[in-house]
Amino acid sequence: MKLLHRHHRAHRAGPPLISRPNPTGDEESRASPTTAAAILAAADPSGADWAARQGLPAYPGNEILYRDRMIAADAAGNPARVHAAMAELCDVLETDDRAHRVHPDTLALYEELTSKWAKHSTG
């Protein structure tokens, strides 16, 4: 949990806001990594994943956004999506060796989340 708190503090200096059309069409809503963390905190993992994915075209390989996706997948109870987010990040970074190309905070979060799910599956 300590790593999750540090991750959310890192959002304060995240990438610029990303616009999303408002369903009513009368104004735009804004999404950013900070918004992703807020949506996740409001128990909307799919919304948090959506917000993180909106930033990836502008910031491919942004590990904060991938961490948001991992946290959202974990909150949704979907460990396969945690693995998929890491695999996608490694594809973007063009690496098979996570230990040498992925930021230590991202690796630590991934290991924290996947070890938690491994414990659940073994009883």
Protein backbone atom coordinates (compact mmCIF):
# COMPACT_ATOMS: atom_id res chain seq x y z
CA MET A 1 0.00 0.00 0.00
CA LYS A 2 2.91 2.36 0.62
CA LEU A 3 3.78 2.15 -3.08
CA LEU A 4 0.20 2.94 -4.08
CA HIS A 5 0.25 6.12 -1.98
CA ARG A 6 3.56 7.19 -3.54
CA HIS A 7 2.10 6.49 -6.99
CA HIS A 8 -0.88 8.77 -6.38
CA ARG A 9 1.40 11.59 -5.18
CA ALA A 10 3.28 11.31 -8.49
CA HIS A 11 0.08 12.26 -10.34
CA ARG A 12 0.36 15.87 -9.23
CA ALA A 13 3.03 16.45 -11.87
CA GLY A 14 1.46 14.31 -14.61
CA PRO A 15 0.92 15.11 -18.27
CA PRO A 16 -1.45 17.83 -19.43
CA LEU A 17 -5.19 17.33 -19.39
CA ILE A 18 -6.92 15.39 -22.14
CA SER A 19 -10.36 16.44 -23.38
CA ARG A 20 -13.30 14.09 -23.62
CA PRO A 21 -16.68 15.07 -25.10
CA ASN A 22 -19.37 15.43 -22.51
CA PRO A 23 -22.30 13.05 -23.18
CA THR A 24 -24.66 16.05 -23.23
CA GLY A 25 -22.52 17.70 -25.88
CA ASP A 26 -22.69 21.14 -24.26
CA GLU A 27 -19.20 21.22 -22.77
CA GLU A 28 -16.07 19.13 -22.41
CA SER A 29 -14.98 17.17 -19.40
CA ARG A 30 -11.29 16.75 -18.64
CA ALA A 31 -9.32 13.57 -17.99
CA SER A 32 -5.77 13.26 -16.73
CA PRO A 33 -3.76 10.89 -14.58
CA THR A 34 -5.01 12.89 -11.60
CA THR A 35 -8.57 12.34 -12.77
CA ALA A 36 -7.84 8.65 -13.24
CA ALA A 37 -6.73 8.39 -9.63
CA ALA A 38 -9.82 10.31 -8.49
CA ILE A 39 -12.15 8.11 -10.53
CA LEU A 40 -10.49 5.02 -9.14
CA ALA A 41 -10.85 6.41 -5.64
CA ALA A 42 -14.56 6.79 -6.38
CA ALA A 43 -14.72 3.05 -7.10
CA ASP A 44 -14.95 3.30 -10.89
CA PRO A 45 -12.09 1.15 -12.15
CA SER A 46 -13.35 1.12 -15.74
CA GLY A 47 -13.51 4.93 -15.69
CA ALA A 48 -9.98 5.07 -14.31
CA ASP A 49 -8.77 2.72 -17.04
CA TRP A 50 -10.55 4.85 -19.66
CA ALA A 51 -8.90 8.02 -18.37
CA ALA A 52 -5.44 6.43 -18.39
CA ARG A 53 -5.92 5.05 -21.92
CA GLN A 54 -6.86 8.52 -23.19
CA GLY A 55 -3.37 9.78 -22.38
CA LEU A 56 -1.45 6.95 -24.00
CA PRO A 57 -1.69 8.14 -27.63
CA ALA A 58 -0.16 11.48 -26.61
CA TYR A 59 2.27 9.94 -24.11
CA PRO A 60 3.14 6.42 -25.29
CA GLY A 61 5.17 4.60 -22.69
CA ASN A 62 4.11 6.95 -19.87
CA GLU A 63 4.51 4.61 -16.94
CA ILE A 64 2.25 6.62 -14.64
CA LEU A 65 -0.60 5.94 -17.05
CA TYR A 66 0.29 2.24 -17.18
CA ARG A 67 0.42 2.14 -13.38
CA ASP A 68 -3.09 3.62 -13.35
CA ARG A 69 -4.21 0.88 -15.70
CA MET A 70 -2.70 -1.78 -13.43
CA ILE A 71 -4.33 -0.30 -10.34
CA ALA A 72 -7.68 -0.06 -12.15
CA ALA A 73 -7.42 -3.69 -13.28
CA ASP A 74 -6.59 -4.77 -9.75
CA ALA A 75 -9.52 -2.78 -8.34
CA ALA A 76 -11.79 -4.46 -10.90
CA GLY A 77 -10.56 -7.85 -9.71
CA ASN A 78 -8.95 -8.64 -13.04
CA PRO A 79 -5.36 -9.85 -12.64
CA ALA A 80 -5.18 -10.75 -16.34
CA ARG A 81 -5.54 -7.05 -17.18
CA VAL A 82 -2.70 -6.24 -14.76
CA HIS A 83 -0.50 -8.62 -16.75
CA ALA A 84 -1.83 -7.24 -20.05
CA ALA A 85 -0.99 -3.65 -19.04
CA MET A 86 2.60 -4.67 -18.24
CA ALA A 87 2.87 -6.63 -21.50
CA GLU A 88 1.59 -3.62 -23.46
CA LEU A 89 4.08 -1.34 -21.72
CA CYS A 90 6.93 -3.71 -22.56
CA ASP A 91 5.78 -3.77 -26.20
CA VAL A 92 5.78 0.04 -26.31
CA LEU A 93 9.23 0.12 -24.71
CA GLU A 94 10.35 -2.59 -27.14
CA THR A 95 11.77 -4.80 -24.43
CA ASP A 96 11.51 -8.37 -23.24
CA ASP A 97 13.57 -7.54 -20.15
CA ARG A 98 11.36 -5.57 -17.76
CA ALA A 99 14.11 -5.28 -15.16
CA HIS A 100 16.29 -3.12 -17.40
CA ARG A 101 13.75 -0.88 -19.16
CA VAL A 102 10.77 -0.47 -16.84
CA HIS A 103 10.95 2.06 -13.99
CA PRO A 104 11.50 0.46 -10.57
CA ASP A 105 8.25 1.96 -9.21
CA THR A 106 6.28 0.38 -12.06
CA LEU A 107 7.98 -2.98 -11.49
CA ALA A 108 7.35 -2.79 -7.76
CA LEU A 109 3.66 -2.02 -8.28
CA TYR A 110 3.33 -4.85 -10.81
CA GLU A 111 5.02 -7.29 -8.44
CA GLU A 112 2.88 -6.11 -5.51
CA LEU A 113 -0.35 -6.58 -7.44
CA THR A 114 0.55 -9.87 -9.09
CA SER A 115 1.87 -11.40 -5.87
CA LYS A 116 -1.38 -10.45 -4.15
CA TRP A 117 -3.36 -12.28 -6.83
CA ALA A 118 -0.98 -15.26 -6.68
CA LYS A 119 -1.70 -15.54 -2.97
CA HIS A 120 -5.46 -15.45 -3.67
CA SER A 121 -5.20 -18.23 -6.26
CA THR A 122 -3.18 -20.50 -3.97
CA GLY A 123 -5.52 -20.14 -1.07
